Protein backbone atom coordinates (compact mmCIF):
# COMPACT_ATOMS: atom_id res chain seq x y z
CA MET A 1 -94.93 144.35 78.10
CA SER A 2 -94.15 140.24 79.56
CA LYS A 3 -91.03 139.92 81.94
CA ARG A 4 -89.36 138.38 78.91
CA PHE A 5 -88.76 141.92 77.21
CA ALA A 6 -88.44 143.48 80.49
CA ASN A 7 -84.41 144.32 79.64
CA LEU A 8 -85.46 146.16 76.41
CA PRO A 9 -84.00 149.60 75.89
CA HIS A 10 -86.72 152.13 76.13
CA THR A 11 -84.62 154.28 74.03
CA PRO A 12 -82.61 153.56 70.79
CA GLU A 13 -79.74 155.83 72.42
CA GLU A 14 -79.36 153.11 74.54
CA VAL A 15 -77.84 150.73 72.23
CA THR A 16 -74.34 150.43 71.47
CA ILE A 17 -72.30 149.75 68.31
CA TRP A 18 -69.71 147.45 67.78
CA ARG A 19 -67.75 146.83 64.85
CA PHE A 20 -65.77 143.86 63.89
CA LYS A 21 -64.28 142.39 60.79
CA MET A 22 -63.80 138.43 60.17
CA PRO A 23 -63.16 135.97 57.62
CA VAL A 24 -66.31 135.56 55.60
CA ASP A 25 -66.73 131.94 56.08
CA ARG A 26 -66.92 132.64 59.96
CA ILE A 27 -69.66 135.43 59.87
CA GLY A 28 -72.78 132.74 59.75
CA TYR A 29 -71.18 130.75 62.96
CA PHE A 30 -70.65 134.26 64.71
CA ASN A 31 -74.21 135.21 64.06
CA SER A 32 -75.57 131.70 65.44
CA ILE A 33 -74.08 132.15 68.20
CA TYR A 34 -75.50 135.35 69.27
CA GLU A 35 -79.30 134.58 67.84
CA ALA A 36 -78.88 131.53 70.40
CA HIS A 37 -78.58 134.07 72.94
CA GLU A 38 -82.14 135.99 72.04
CA ALA A 39 -82.09 139.78 72.89
CA ILE A 40 -78.37 140.26 73.51
CA CYS A 41 -77.61 141.87 70.32
CA LEU A 42 -78.50 142.33 66.44
CA VAL A 43 -75.99 140.90 64.11
CA ASN A 44 -75.92 142.91 60.91
CA THR A 45 -73.54 142.08 57.92
CA VAL A 46 -72.33 145.14 56.82
CA ASP A 47 -70.03 143.73 53.78
CA LYS A 48 -69.95 140.14 53.29
CA ARG A 49 -66.90 140.56 50.97
CA LEU A 50 -64.81 142.35 53.42
CA GLY A 51 -66.27 140.56 56.53
CA LEU A 52 -67.56 143.60 58.20
CA VAL A 53 -70.04 143.08 60.83
CA GLU A 54 -71.86 145.82 62.99
CA CYS A 55 -73.68 144.38 66.29
CA SER A 56 -76.40 146.45 68.05
CA VAL A 57 -75.82 145.50 71.88
CA MET A 58 -78.48 145.92 74.23
CA PRO A 59 -77.04 148.10 77.31
CA SER A 60 -78.83 145.32 79.91
CA TYR A 61 -76.70 142.27 78.04
CA LYS A 62 -73.66 143.92 77.52
CA LYS A 63 -71.78 142.13 80.01
CA ASP A 64 -73.17 138.61 78.73
CA PHE A 65 -72.37 140.39 74.67
CA GLU A 66 -68.33 140.90 75.84
CA ILE A 67 -67.97 137.27 77.44
CA ILE A 68 -69.60 135.45 74.43
CA LEU A 69 -67.47 137.94 72.21
CA GLU A 70 -64.18 137.15 74.35
CA ARG A 71 -64.99 133.52 73.55
CA LEU A 72 -65.68 134.12 69.80
CA LEU A 73 -62.28 136.23 69.22
CA GLU A 74 -60.08 133.38 68.19
CA PRO A 75 -62.35 130.63 66.85
CA CYS A 76 -63.66 133.43 64.52
CA GLN A 77 -60.82 135.52 64.28
CA VAL A 78 -62.56 138.53 64.92
CA THR A 79 -60.76 141.93 64.92
CA ILE A 80 -62.52 144.44 66.88
CA LEU A 81 -62.67 147.69 64.72
CA GLU A 82 -64.97 149.92 67.07
CA LYS A 83 -66.56 149.14 70.32
CA ASP A 84 -69.38 150.97 72.29
CA ARG A 85 -70.29 153.46 70.01
CA PRO A 86 -73.49 155.27 70.84
CA TYR A 87 -76.39 154.47 68.43
CA HIS A 88 -77.36 157.12 65.92
CA GLY A 89 -80.42 155.78 64.22
């Protein structure tokens, strides 16, 4: 595997799940910021009507994920519902 993908987890169990609630009109911006930082996490809108978002965070990028999240809390009006839950397929 190339160096670009060297930090990917070896098993799904290494990935952690974070759940958030935010205004619906902020979800697109939140998602685009993480998309711009490739491989940090996968953002999934769980319920658009309720503004529920779930992020699958790659273990090697947990600190980077948290740094970006800290900057997004206020502008995206993010409420953390759950953090660091182990992934259970």
